[in-house]
Amino acid sequence: MAVFHTQDISGKHFLVTGGAGFIGSHIVEYLLAYGAGKVSVLDNLSTGSQRNVDLFSGNSHYEFIKGDIRDAKTCEMACQGIDHVSHQAALGSVPRSVKDPITSNEVNISGFVNMITAAKDAKVKSFVYASSSSVYGDEPKLPKTEPVAGNLLSPYAVTKKTNELYAAVFGDLYGMKIAGLRYFNVFGPRQDPEGPYAAVIPLFVKGIMDRSPVYINGDGEQTRDFTFVENAVQANVRAMLSINDEAFGQVYNVAVGANFSVNFLYNEISSLLSIDHPPVHRAARQGDIRDSLADISKARRLLSYEPTTHFLDGLKKTVDFFRQSH
């Protein structure tokens, strides 16, 4: 993985919530690989995987805290002595939030308030959190720019927009250095292909390899700005360690700035696997946006963010990972 920071991090203590999850574990991996003084993970393993953090067991700079962000005391304890927080813990998935809005609210909003309050009280130097491109809702204009959003289309989107509102208030009221990252369809190795809310790329790869039915919602011409996980790691590292005061109190699109249809994605995966396995089309999914494409100029300007891995290169790495672990 490329290097995304310049300063010495050997004396810094990082907390990654949701660090056993897909994106979180990649952030932990980066920090440990580049000599962080200490990296603590807070995760209740409800959607994260023990397998993801077993990679770090035995590393004296790593600590695992099993706990739930819905418990304020746990958050307070986890933030003690922390310099920088990367808050990734959340219940993802639009369909999950449509089916069970209450739990999404408890984890993504109440849990967020617990964490940001604990970080404030612990006087952390920076607090970076995962938002989502879902906050753009039904806004039709492409590419998506941070100030322009439409009507929210799912409870999940409401939770992420609420995070942004709380972050803005905490930054203004308490002088905290906070930055939000609107992820656009992040994918890569270790993303979970199992369960009813699995993300589309691991689901496609596993289904094609197993030759089991693979479903595409709607006509498949909906587009997404598929973003390889290394780019999300970069945004987190650059934001947490930024020395640019203007970089805080902001939300950023984290993407590549190119979009591809779901049908194109499916055909590319089939081609990489050399397996001809036609998909099954079904009804479009409730709460989904039609097209997604990010303007990443703000992240470039304020965070010096520059995507290092583009869609097709990232897809090849991801397919190789799942092929080897199949």
C-alpha atoms as a PDB file:
ATOM      1  CA  MET A   1       0.000   0.000   0.000  1.00  0.00           C
ATOM      2  CA  ALA A   2       1.202   3.503  -0.829  1.00  0.00           C
ATOM      3  CA  VAL A   3       2.195   5.896   1.977  1.00  0.00           C
ATOM      4  CA  PHE A   4      -0.403   8.562   2.754  1.00  0.00           C
ATOM      5  CA  HIS A   5       1.250  10.470   5.590  1.00  0.00           C
ATOM      6  CA  THR A   6       4.512  12.319   6.145  1.00  0.00           C
ATOM      7  CA  GLN A   7       4.726  12.780   9.909  1.00  0.00           C
ATOM      8  CA  ASP A   8       6.078  10.318  12.464  1.00  0.00           C
ATOM      9  CA  ILE A   9       3.175   8.335  13.961  1.00  0.00           C
ATOM     10  CA  SER A  10       5.235   6.175  16.314  1.00  0.00           C
ATOM     11  CA  GLY A  11       4.122   8.236  19.319  1.00  0.00           C
ATOM     12  CA  LYS A  12       0.438   8.389  18.381  1.00  0.00           C
ATOM     13  CA  HIS A  13      -2.454   6.293  19.706  1.00  0.00           C
ATOM     14  CA  PHE A  14      -5.279   5.669  17.226  1.00  0.00           C
ATOM     15  CA  LEU A  15      -8.760   4.298  17.865  1.00  0.00           C
ATOM     16  CA  VAL A  16     -10.583   2.636  14.977  1.00  0.00           C
ATOM     17  CA  THR A  17     -14.200   1.847  15.817  1.00  0.00           C
ATOM     18  CA  GLY A  18     -15.581  -0.946  13.688  1.00  0.00           C
ATOM     19  CA  GLY A  19     -11.974  -2.014  13.165  1.00  0.00           C
ATOM     20  CA  ALA A  20     -12.983  -5.649  12.657  1.00  0.00           C
ATOM     21  CA  GLY A  21     -15.087  -4.580   9.699  1.00  0.00           C
ATOM     22  CA  PHE A  22     -14.092  -4.395   6.071  1.00  0.00           C
ATOM     23  CA  ILE A  23     -12.919  -0.775   5.794  1.00  0.00           C
ATOM     24  CA  GLY A  24     -11.887  -0.509   9.444  1.00  0.00           C
ATOM     25  CA  SER A  25      -9.539  -3.500   9.276  1.00  0.00           C
ATOM     26  CA  HIS A  26      -7.757  -1.987   6.267  1.00  0.00           C
ATOM     27  CA  ILE A  27      -7.243   1.272   8.201  1.00  0.00           C
ATOM     28  CA  VAL A  28      -5.829  -0.701  11.156  1.00  0.00           C
ATOM     29  CA  GLU A  29      -3.573  -2.653   8.797  1.00  0.00           C
ATOM     30  CA  TYR A  30      -2.176   0.553   7.309  1.00  0.00           C
ATOM     31  CA  LEU A  31      -1.514   2.195  10.687  1.00  0.00           C
ATOM     32  CA  LEU A  32       0.260  -0.865  12.092  1.00  0.00           C
ATOM     33  CA  ALA A  33       2.262  -1.403   8.891  1.00  0.00           C
ATOM     34  CA  TYR A  34       3.578   2.152   9.062  1.00  0.00           C
ATOM     35  CA  GLY A  35       4.587   2.124  12.703  1.00  0.00           C
ATOM     36  CA  ALA A  36       1.740   3.655  14.712  1.00  0.00           C
ATOM     37  CA  GLY A  37       2.570   3.753  18.415  1.00  0.00           C
ATOM     38  CA  LYS A  38      -0.679   1.990  19.287  1.00  0.00           C
ATOM     39  CA  VAL A  39      -3.877   1.093  17.452  1.00  0.00           C
ATOM     40  CA  SER A  40      -6.978   0.195  19.460  1.00  0.00           C
ATOM     41  CA  VAL A  41     -10.024  -1.383  17.839  1.00  0.00           C
ATOM     42  CA  LEU A  42     -13.514  -1.097  19.332  1.00  0.00           C
ATOM     43  CA  ASP A  43     -15.954  -3.558  17.774  1.00  0.00           C
ATOM     44  CA  ASN A  44     -18.853  -5.711  18.974  1.00  0.00           C
ATOM     45  CA  LEU A  45     -18.324  -8.184  16.075  1.00  0.00           C
ATOM     46  CA  SER A  46     -21.984  -7.940  15.032  1.00  0.00           C
ATOM     47  CA  THR A  47     -21.048  -7.250  11.417  1.00  0.00           C
ATOM     48  CA  GLY A  48     -17.256  -7.223  11.734  1.00  0.00           C
ATOM     49  CA  SER A  49     -15.282 -10.452  11.642  1.00  0.00           C
ATOM     50  CA  GLN A  50     -12.841 -11.904  14.144  1.00  0.00           C
ATOM     51  CA  ARG A  51     -10.946 -13.179  11.098  1.00  0.00           C
ATOM     52  CA  ASN A  52     -10.191  -9.604  10.037  1.00  0.00           C
ATOM     53  CA  VAL A  53      -8.505  -8.723  13.329  1.00  0.00           C
ATOM     54  CA  ASP A  54      -6.779 -12.079  13.810  1.00  0.00           C
ATOM     55  CA  LEU A  55      -4.344 -10.646  11.243  1.00  0.00           C
ATOM     56  CA  PHE A  56      -3.021  -8.336  13.982  1.00  0.00           C
ATOM     57  CA  SER A  57      -2.931 -10.711  16.957  1.00  0.00           C
ATOM     58  CA  GLY A  58       0.517 -10.865  18.481  1.00  0.00           C
ATOM     59  CA  ASN A  59       1.351  -7.299  17.408  1.00  0.00           C
ATOM     60  CA  SER A  60       2.346  -5.465  20.594  1.00  0.00           C
ATOM     61  CA  HIS A  61       1.096  -2.159  19.145  1.00  0.00           C
ATOM     62  CA  TYR A  62      -2.438  -3.514  18.695  1.00  0.00           C
ATOM     63  CA  GLU A  63      -5.310  -3.745  21.203  1.00  0.00           C
ATOM     64  CA  PHE A  64      -8.810  -5.165  20.731  1.00  0.00           C
ATOM     65  CA  ILE A  65     -11.744  -3.928  22.840  1.00  0.00           C
ATOM     66  CA  LYS A  66     -14.926  -5.932  22.437  1.00  0.00           C
ATOM     67  CA  GLY A  67     -17.714  -3.483  23.056  1.00  0.00           C
ATOM     68  CA  ASP A  68     -20.734  -1.697  21.635  1.00  0.00           C
ATOM     69  CA  ILE A  69     -20.864   1.996  20.707  1.00  0.00           C
ATOM     70  CA  ARG A  70     -24.442   2.060  21.998  1.00  0.00           C
ATOM     71  CA  ASP A  71     -22.924   1.948  25.496  1.00  0.00           C
ATOM     72  CA  ALA A  72     -21.622   5.410  26.454  1.00  0.00           C
ATOM     73  CA  LYS A  73     -19.297   4.055  29.184  1.00  0.00           C
ATOM     74  CA  THR A  74     -17.610   1.740  26.679  1.00  0.00           C
ATOM     75  CA  CYS A  75     -17.008   4.695  24.351  1.00  0.00           C
ATOM     76  CA  GLU A  76     -15.561   6.760  27.207  1.00  0.00           C
ATOM     77  CA  MET A  77     -13.194   3.974  28.172  1.00  0.00           C
ATOM     78  CA  ALA A  78     -12.088   3.360  24.581  1.00  0.00           C
ATOM     79  CA  CYS A  79     -11.254   7.061  24.036  1.00  0.00           C
ATOM     80  CA  GLN A  80      -8.921   7.363  27.042  1.00  0.00           C
ATOM     81  CA  GLY A  81      -5.443   8.405  25.892  1.00  0.00           C
ATOM     82  CA  ILE A  82      -6.435   8.481  22.226  1.00  0.00           C
ATOM     83  CA  ASP A  83      -4.918  11.015  19.819  1.00  0.00           C
ATOM     84  CA  HIS A  84      -6.950  10.297  16.676  1.00  0.00           C
ATOM     85  CA  VAL A  85     -10.283   8.528  16.092  1.00  0.00           C
ATOM     86  CA  SER A  86     -11.399   6.864  12.858  1.00  0.00           C
ATOM     87  CA  HIS A  87     -15.080   6.130  13.482  1.00  0.00           C
ATOM     88  CA  GLN A  88     -16.160   3.363  11.105  1.00  0.00           C
ATOM     89  CA  ALA A  89     -18.586   1.481  13.382  1.00  0.00           C
ATOM     90  CA  ALA A  90     -22.101   1.516  11.935  1.00  0.00           C
ATOM     91  CA  LEU A  91     -24.881  -0.677  10.645  1.00  0.00           C
ATOM     92  CA  GLY A  92     -24.509  -0.411   6.897  1.00  0.00           C
ATOM     93  CA  SER A  93     -26.991  -1.304   4.151  1.00  0.00           C
ATOM     94  CA  VAL A  94     -29.976   0.605   2.838  1.00  0.00           C
ATOM     95  CA  PRO A  95     -32.218  -2.518   2.772  1.00  0.00           C
ATOM     96  CA  ARG A  96     -31.356  -3.368   6.385  1.00  0.00           C
ATOM     97  CA  SER A  97     -32.406   0.136   7.464  1.00  0.00           C
ATOM     98  CA  VAL A  98     -35.647  -0.124   5.482  1.00  0.00           C
ATOM     99  CA  LYS A  99     -36.453  -3.391   7.249  1.00  0.00           C
ATOM    100  CA  ASP A 100     -35.321  -2.286  10.723  1.00  0.00           C
ATOM    101  CA  PRO A 101     -34.989   1.494  11.067  1.00  0.00           C
ATOM    102  CA  ILE A 102     -34.895   1.414  14.881  1.00  0.00           C
ATOM    103  CA  THR A 103     -31.651  -0.563  15.162  1.00  0.00           C
ATOM    104  CA  SER A 104     -30.007   1.500  12.431  1.00  0.00           C
ATOM    105  CA  ASN A 105     -30.967   4.621  14.384  1.00  0.00           C
ATOM    106  CA  GLU A 106     -29.642   3.254  17.690  1.00  0.00           C
ATOM    107  CA  VAL A 107     -26.265   2.249  16.260  1.00  0.00           C
ATOM    108  CA  ASN A 108     -25.694   4.951  13.673  1.00  0.00           C
ATOM    109  CA  ILE A 109     -27.094   7.962  15.543  1.00  0.00           C
ATOM    110  CA  SER A 110     -27.078   7.202  19.290  1.00  0.00           C
ATOM    111  CA  GLY A 111     -23.804   5.296  18.895  1.00  0.00           C
ATOM    112  CA  PHE A 112     -22.309   8.178  16.937  1.00  0.00           C
ATOM    113  CA  VAL A 113     -23.302  10.714  19.613  1.00  0.00           C
ATOM    114  CA  ASN A 114     -21.780   8.463  22.301  1.00  0.00           C
ATOM    115  CA  MET A 115     -18.516   8.275  20.361  1.00  0.00           C
ATOM    116  CA  ILE A 116     -18.187  11.930  19.445  1.00  0.00           C
ATOM    117  CA  THR A 117     -19.027  12.952  23.039  1.00  0.00           C
ATOM    118  CA  ALA A 118     -16.434  10.543  24.427  1.00  0.00           C
ATOM    119  CA  ALA A 119     -13.872  11.869  21.939  1.00  0.00           C
ATOM    120  CA  LYS A 120     -14.673  15.455  22.996  1.00  0.00           C
ATOM    121  CA  ASP A 121     -14.295  14.622  26.682  1.00  0.00           C
ATOM    122  CA  ALA A 122     -11.001  12.809  25.999  1.00  0.00           C
ATOM    123  CA  LYS A 123      -9.755  15.848  24.044  1.00  0.00           C
ATOM    124  CA  VAL A 124      -8.743  13.830  20.990  1.00  0.00           C
ATOM    125  CA  LYS A 125      -6.768  15.729  18.348  1.00  0.00           C
ATOM    126  CA  SER A 126      -9.029  14.713  15.452  1.00  0.00           C
ATOM    127  CA  PHE A 127     -12.217  12.747  14.833  1.00  0.00           C
ATOM    128  CA  VAL A 128     -12.853  11.360  11.350  1.00  0.00           C
ATOM    129  CA  TYR A 129     -16.069   9.489  10.627  1.00  0.00           C
ATOM    130  CA  ALA A 130     -17.680   7.474   7.837  1.00  0.00           C
ATOM    131  CA  SER A 131     -20.593   9.139   6.111  1.00  0.00           C
ATOM    132  CA  SER A 132     -22.118   7.907   2.858  1.00  0.00           C
ATOM    133  CA  SER A 133     -23.006   8.917  -0.686  1.00  0.00           C
ATOM    134  CA  SER A 134     -26.586   7.949   0.274  1.00  0.00           C
ATOM    135  CA  VAL A 135     -26.956  11.461   1.736  1.00  0.00           C
ATOM    136  CA  TYR A 136     -27.331  12.776  -1.844  1.00  0.00           C
ATOM    137  CA  GLY A 137     -30.728  11.077  -2.081  1.00  0.00           C
ATOM    138  CA  ASP A 138     -32.695  11.854  -5.208  1.00  0.00           C
ATOM    139  CA  GLU A 139     -30.514  14.787  -6.330  1.00  0.00           C
ATOM    140  CA  PRO A 140     -30.159  14.087 -10.086  1.00  0.00           C
ATOM    141  CA  LYS A 141     -27.185  16.298 -10.907  1.00  0.00           C
ATOM    142  CA  LEU A 142     -23.905  14.522 -11.682  1.00  0.00           C
ATOM    143  CA  PRO A 143     -21.212  14.599 -10.498  1.00  0.00           C
ATOM    144  CA  LYS A 144     -22.252  14.916  -6.863  1.00  0.00           C
ATOM    145  CA  THR A 145     -20.762  17.946  -5.106  1.00  0.00           C
ATOM    146  CA  GLU A 146     -20.786  18.197  -1.324  1.00  0.00           C
ATOM    147  CA  PRO A 147     -23.119  21.218  -0.915  1.00  0.00           C
ATOM    148  CA  VAL A 148     -25.922  19.940  -3.177  1.00  0.00           C
ATOM    149  CA  ALA A 149     -28.175  17.110  -1.927  1.00  0.00           C
ATOM    150  CA  GLY A 150     -31.728  15.997  -2.578  1.00  0.00           C
ATOM    151  CA  ASN A 151     -34.436  14.250  -0.567  1.00  0.00           C
ATOM    152  CA  LEU A 152     -33.160  11.331   1.499  1.00  0.00           C
ATOM    153  CA  LEU A 153     -34.422   7.939   0.327  1.00  0.00           C
ATOM    154  CA  SER A 154     -33.791   5.579   3.260  1.00  0.00           C
ATOM    155  CA  PRO A 155     -33.469   5.474   7.056  1.00  0.00           C
ATOM    156  CA  TYR A 156     -29.769   4.666   6.533  1.00  0.00           C
ATOM    157  CA  ALA A 157     -29.319   7.921   4.610  1.00  0.00           C
ATOM    158  CA  VAL A 158     -31.096   9.787   7.427  1.00  0.00           C
ATOM    159  CA  THR A 159     -28.667   8.346   9.982  1.00  0.00           C
ATOM    160  CA  LYS A 160     -25.623   9.398   7.972  1.00  0.00           C
ATOM    161  CA  LYS A 161     -26.960  12.897   7.331  1.00  0.00           C
ATOM    162  CA  THR A 162     -27.685  13.193  11.063  1.00  0.00           C
ATOM    163  CA  ASN A 163     -24.054  12.271  11.785  1.00  0.00           C
ATOM    164  CA  GLU A 164     -22.980  15.163   9.588  1.00  0.00           C
ATOM    165  CA  LEU A 165     -25.307  17.567  11.418  1.00  0.00           C
ATOM    166  CA  TYR A 166     -23.997  16.485  14.835  1.00  0.00           C
ATOM    167  CA  ALA A 167     -20.397  16.725  13.595  1.00  0.00           C
ATOM    168  CA  ALA A 168     -20.932  20.305  12.413  1.00  0.00           C
ATOM    169  CA  VAL A 169     -22.444  21.321  15.764  1.00  0.00           C
ATOM    170  CA  PHE A 170     -19.722  19.598  17.827  1.00  0.00           C
ATOM    171  CA  GLY A 171     -17.041  21.254  15.713  1.00  0.00           C
ATOM    172  CA  ASP A 172     -18.582  24.704  16.193  1.00  0.00           C
ATOM    173  CA  LEU A 173     -19.556  24.335  19.861  1.00  0.00           C
ATOM    174  CA  TYR A 174     -16.521  22.530  21.234  1.00  0.00           C
ATOM    175  CA  GLY A 175     -13.777  23.429  18.758  1.00  0.00           C
ATOM    176  CA  MET A 176     -13.248  19.806  17.792  1.00  0.00           C
ATOM    177  CA  LYS A 177     -11.336  18.913  14.637  1.00  0.00           C
ATOM    178  CA  ILE A 178     -13.847  16.740  12.777  1.00  0.00           C
ATOM    179  CA  ALA A 179     -14.091  15.537   9.183  1.00  0.00           C
ATOM    180  CA  GLY A 180     -16.713  13.342   7.509  1.00  0.00           C
ATOM    181  CA  LEU A 181     -16.075  11.026   4.572  1.00  0.00           C
ATOM    182  CA  ARG A 182     -18.896  10.277   2.138  1.00  0.00           C
ATOM    183  CA  TYR A 183     -17.907   6.860   0.836  1.00  0.00           C
ATOM    184  CA  PHE A 184     -18.992   5.875  -2.653  1.00  0.00           C
ATOM    185  CA  ASN A 185     -19.424   2.084  -3.024  1.00  0.00           C
ATOM    186  CA  VAL A 186     -16.185   1.011  -1.378  1.00  0.00           C
ATOM    187  CA  PHE A 187     -15.034  -2.500  -2.292  1.00  0.00           C
ATOM    188  CA  GLY A 188     -11.999  -4.742  -1.927  1.00  0.00           C
ATOM    189  CA  PRO A 189     -10.479  -7.782  -0.211  1.00  0.00           C
ATOM    190  CA  ARG A 190     -12.114  -8.957   3.035  1.00  0.00           C
ATOM    191  CA  GLN A 191     -15.537  -7.530   2.160  1.00  0.00           C
ATOM    192  CA  ASP A 192     -18.092 -10.050   3.406  1.00  0.00           C
ATOM    193  CA  PRO A 193     -19.908 -12.025   0.671  1.00  0.00           C
ATOM    194  CA  GLU A 194     -22.241 -13.718   3.162  1.00  0.00           C
ATOM    195  CA  GLY A 195     -25.589 -12.732   4.634  1.00  0.00           C
ATOM    196  CA  PRO A 196     -28.681 -10.925   3.380  1.00  0.00           C
ATOM    197  CA  TYR A 197     -26.968  -7.502   3.253  1.00  0.00           C
ATOM    198  CA  ALA A 198     -23.729  -8.458   1.520  1.00  0.00           C
ATOM    199  CA  ALA A 199     -22.269  -5.840  -0.827  1.00  0.00           C
ATOM    200  CA  VAL A 200     -22.675  -6.283  -4.546  1.00  0.00           C
ATOM    201  CA  ILE A 201     -19.091  -7.081  -5.631  1.00  0.00           C
ATOM    202  CA  PRO A 202     -18.314  -9.946  -3.211  1.00  0.00           C
ATOM    203  CA  LEU A 203     -21.845 -11.227  -3.817  1.00  0.00           C
ATOM    204  CA  PHE A 204     -21.286 -11.297  -7.583  1.00  0.00           C
ATOM    205  CA  VAL A 205     -17.837 -12.905  -7.292  1.00  0.00           C
ATOM    206  CA  LYS A 206     -19.008 -15.648  -4.942  1.00  0.00           C
ATOM    207  CA  GLY A 207     -22.202 -16.308  -6.924  1.00  0.00           C
ATOM    208  CA  ILE A 208     -20.349 -16.620 -10.227  1.00  0.00           C
ATOM    209  CA  MET A 209     -17.656 -18.881  -8.736  1.00  0.00           C
ATOM    210  CA  ASP A 210     -20.301 -21.068  -7.071  1.00  0.00           C
ATOM    211  CA  ARG A 211     -22.518 -20.900 -10.194  1.00  0.00           C
ATOM    212  CA  SER A 212     -25.463 -20.078  -7.929  1.00  0.00           C
ATOM    213  CA  PRO A 213     -28.195 -17.585  -8.935  1.00  0.00           C
ATOM    214  CA  VAL A 214     -26.846 -14.017  -9.039  1.00  0.00           C
ATOM    215  CA  TYR A 215     -29.436 -11.245  -8.958  1.00  0.00           C
ATOM    216  CA  ILE A 216     -29.220  -7.800 -10.511  1.00  0.00           C
ATOM    217  CA  ASN A 217     -31.786  -5.308  -9.247  1.00  0.00           C
ATOM    218  CA  GLY A 218     -33.683  -3.569 -12.040  1.00  0.00           C
ATOM    219  CA  ASP A 219     -32.224  -3.276 -15.524  1.00  0.00           C
ATOM    220  CA  GLY A 220     -28.629  -3.160 -14.291  1.00  0.00           C
ATOM    221  CA  GLU A 221     -27.922   0.144 -16.027  1.00  0.00           C
ATOM    222  CA  GLN A 222     -27.757   2.016 -12.716  1.00  0.00           C
ATOM    223  CA  THR A 223     -24.245   3.406 -12.235  1.00  0.00           C
ATOM    224  CA  ARG A 224     -21.899   3.614  -9.254  1.00  0.00           C
ATOM    225  CA  ASP A 225     -18.557   5.264  -8.535  1.00  0.00           C
ATOM    226  CA  PHE A 226     -16.911   2.035  -7.344  1.00  0.00           C
ATOM    227  CA  THR A 227     -14.078   2.929  -4.957  1.00  0.00           C
ATOM    228  CA  PHE A 228     -11.265   0.535  -4.047  1.00  0.00           C
ATOM    229  CA  VAL A 229     -10.706   0.310  -0.293  1.00  0.00           C
ATOM    230  CA  GLU A 230      -7.149   1.676  -0.418  1.00  0.00           C
ATOM    231  CA  ASN A 231      -8.633   5.020  -1.467  1.00  0.00           C
ATOM    232  CA  ALA A 232     -10.887   5.045   1.617  1.00  0.00           C
ATOM    233  CA  VAL A 233      -7.867   4.259   3.810  1.00  0.00           C
ATOM    234  CA  GLN A 234      -6.009   7.171   2.241  1.00  0.00           C
ATOM    235  CA  ALA A 235      -8.850   9.603   2.979  1.00  0.00           C
ATOM    236  CA  ASN A 236      -9.010   8.500   6.628  1.00  0.00           C
ATOM    237  CA  VAL A 237      -5.263   8.780   7.168  1.00  0.00           C
ATOM    238  CA  ARG A 238      -4.961  12.151   5.432  1.00  0.00           C
ATOM    239  CA  ALA A 239      -7.945  13.566   7.344  1.00  0.00           C
ATOM    240  CA  MET A 240      -6.880  12.272  10.767  1.00  0.00           C
ATOM    241  CA  LEU A 241      -3.346  13.617  10.392  1.00  0.00           C
ATOM    242  CA  SER A 242      -4.108  16.837   8.509  1.00  0.00           C
ATOM    243  CA  ILE A 243      -2.278  19.959   9.694  1.00  0.00           C
ATOM    244  CA  ASN A 244      -4.560  22.144   7.575  1.00  0.00           C
ATOM    245  CA  ASP A 245      -7.149  23.746   9.871  1.00  0.00           C
ATOM    246  CA  GLU A 246      -9.423  24.360   6.875  1.00  0.00           C
ATOM    247  CA  ALA A 247      -9.611  20.588   6.327  1.00  0.00           C
ATOM    248  CA  PHE A 248     -11.799  20.182   9.419  1.00  0.00           C
ATOM    249  CA  GLY A 249     -15.469  21.035   9.811  1.00  0.00           C
ATOM    250  CA  GLN A 250     -15.956  19.522   6.369  1.00  0.00           C
ATOM    251  CA  VAL A 251     -17.458  16.523   4.606  1.00  0.00           C
ATOM    252  CA  TYR A 252     -15.714  15.008   1.613  1.00  0.00           C
ATOM    253  CA  ASN A 253     -16.619  12.732  -1.254  1.00  0.00           C
ATOM    254  CA  VAL A 254     -14.352   9.699  -1.154  1.00  0.00           C
ATOM    255  CA  ALA A 255     -14.421   8.098  -4.571  1.00  0.00           C
ATOM    256  CA  VAL A 256     -12.539   7.923  -7.843  1.00  0.00           C
ATOM    257  CA  GLY A 257     -14.609  10.230 -10.017  1.00  0.00           C
ATOM    258  CA  ALA A 258     -15.660   7.646 -12.621  1.00  0.00           C
ATOM    259  CA  ASN A 259     -18.831   5.557 -12.767  1.00  0.00           C
ATOM    260  CA  PHE A 260     -19.740   2.198 -14.268  1.00  0.00           C
ATOM    261  CA  SER A 261     -23.004   0.326 -14.643  1.00  0.00           C
ATOM    262  CA  VAL A 262     -23.851  -2.751 -12.611  1.00  0.00           C
ATOM    263  CA  ASN A 263     -24.125  -4.726 -15.864  1.00  0.00           C
ATOM    264  CA  PHE A 264     -20.598  -3.656 -16.836  1.00  0.00           C
ATOM    265  CA  LEU A 265     -19.375  -4.662 -13.372  1.00  0.00           C
ATOM    266  CA  TYR A 266     -20.979  -8.094 -13.694  1.00  0.00           C
ATOM    267  CA  ASN A 267     -19.475  -8.704 -17.129  1.00  0.00           C
ATOM    268  CA  GLU A 268     -16.009  -7.644 -15.949  1.00  0.00           C
ATOM    269  CA  ILE A 269     -16.138 -10.034 -12.981  1.00  0.00           C
ATOM    270  CA  SER A 270     -17.297 -12.876 -15.260  1.00  0.00           C
ATOM    271  CA  SER A 271     -14.441 -12.096 -17.620  1.00  0.00           C
ATOM    272  CA  LEU A 272     -11.824 -11.999 -14.824  1.00  0.00           C
ATOM    273  CA  LEU A 273     -13.087 -15.351 -13.540  1.00  0.00           C
ATOM    274  CA  SER A 274     -13.390 -16.785 -17.096  1.00  0.00           C
ATOM    275  CA  ILE A 275     -16.842 -18.086 -16.172  1.00  0.00           C
ATOM    276  CA  ASP A 276     -19.935 -17.561 -18.300  1.00  0.00           C
ATOM    277  CA  HIS A 277     -22.807 -17.440 -15.813  1.00  0.00           C
ATOM    278  CA  PRO A 278     -25.756 -15.204 -16.792  1.00  0.00           C
ATOM    279  CA  PRO A 279     -27.346 -13.100 -14.024  1.00  0.00           C
ATOM    280  CA  VAL A 280     -31.026 -13.018 -13.071  1.00  0.00           C
ATOM    281  CA  HIS A 281     -32.726  -9.609 -13.205  1.00  0.00           C
ATOM    282  CA  ARG A 282     -35.340  -8.767 -10.580  1.00  0.00           C
ATOM    283  CA  ALA A 283     -37.290  -5.717  -9.424  1.00  0.00           C
ATOM    284  CA  ALA A 284     -35.402  -2.540  -8.595  1.00  0.00           C
ATOM    285  CA  ARG A 285     -34.602  -2.119  -4.892  1.00  0.00           C
ATOM    286  CA  GLN A 286     -36.518   0.273  -2.661  1.00  0.00           C
ATOM    287  CA  GLY A 287     -34.469   3.273  -1.486  1.00  0.00           C
ATOM    288  CA  ASP A 288     -31.720   2.877  -4.107  1.00  0.00           C
ATOM    289  CA  ILE A 289     -30.393   5.848  -6.040  1.00  0.00           C
ATOM    290  CA  ARG A 290     -30.183   5.509  -9.824  1.00  0.00           C
ATOM    291  CA  ASP A 291     -26.813   7.030 -10.676  1.00  0.00           C
ATOM    292  CA  SER A 292     -23.797   7.936  -8.617  1.00  0.00           C
ATOM    293  CA  LEU A 293     -20.657   9.835  -9.564  1.00  0.00           C
ATOM    294  CA  ALA A 294     -18.496  11.942  -7.275  1.00  0.00           C
ATOM    295  CA  ASP A 295     -16.710  15.236  -7.701  1.00  0.00           C
ATOM    296  CA  ILE A 296     -13.558  14.702  -5.605  1.00  0.00           C
ATOM    297  CA  SER A 297     -12.031  18.143  -6.130  1.00  0.00           C
ATOM    298  CA  LYS A 298     -12.693  19.247  -2.533  1.00  0.00           C
ATOM    299  CA  ALA A 299     -10.814  16.262  -1.060  1.00  0.00           C
ATOM    300  CA  ARG A 300      -8.005  16.898  -3.536  1.00  0.00           C
ATOM    301  CA  ARG A 301      -7.775  20.543  -2.505  1.00  0.00           C
ATOM    302  CA  LEU A 302      -8.060  20.274   1.278  1.00  0.00           C
ATOM    303  CA  LEU A 303      -6.722  16.773   2.013  1.00  0.00           C
ATOM    304  CA  SER A 304      -4.329  16.250  -0.934  1.00  0.00           C
ATOM    305  CA  TYR A 305      -6.399  13.134  -1.645  1.00  0.00           C
ATOM    306  CA  GLU A 306      -5.626  11.406  -4.925  1.00  0.00           C
ATOM    307  CA  PRO A 307      -7.043   7.968  -5.791  1.00  0.00           C
ATOM    308  CA  THR A 308      -4.207   5.468  -6.118  1.00  0.00           C
ATOM    309  CA  THR A 309      -6.243   2.509  -7.395  1.00  0.00           C
ATOM    310  CA  HIS A 310      -8.879   2.838 -10.076  1.00  0.00           C
ATOM    311  CA  PHE A 311     -11.889   0.620 -10.625  1.00  0.00           C
ATOM    312  CA  LEU A 312     -10.576  -2.072 -12.983  1.00  0.00           C
ATOM    313  CA  ASP A 313      -7.245  -2.476 -11.139  1.00  0.00           C
ATOM    314  CA  GLY A 314      -9.062  -2.694  -7.803  1.00  0.00           C
ATOM    315  CA  LEU A 315     -11.560  -5.164  -9.226  1.00  0.00           C
ATOM    316  CA  LYS A 316      -8.772  -7.463 -10.395  1.00  0.00           C
ATOM    317  CA  LYS A 317      -7.137  -7.384  -6.931  1.00  0.00           C
ATOM    318  CA  THR A 318     -10.493  -8.105  -5.314  1.00  0.00           C
ATOM    319  CA  VAL A 319     -11.385 -10.996  -7.611  1.00  0.00           C
ATOM    320  CA  ASP A 320      -7.896 -12.473  -7.073  1.00  0.00           C
ATOM    321  CA  PHE A 321      -8.398 -12.299  -3.316  1.00  0.00           C
ATOM    322  CA  PHE A 322     -11.750 -14.100  -3.414  1.00  0.00           C
ATOM    323  CA  ARG A 323     -10.483 -16.651  -5.909  1.00  0.00           C
ATOM    324  CA  GLN A 324      -7.549 -17.522  -3.611  1.00  0.00           C
ATOM    325  CA  SER A 325      -9.716 -17.742  -0.504  1.00  0.00           C
ATOM    326  CA  HIS A 326     -12.528 -19.660  -2.195  1.00  0.00           C
END
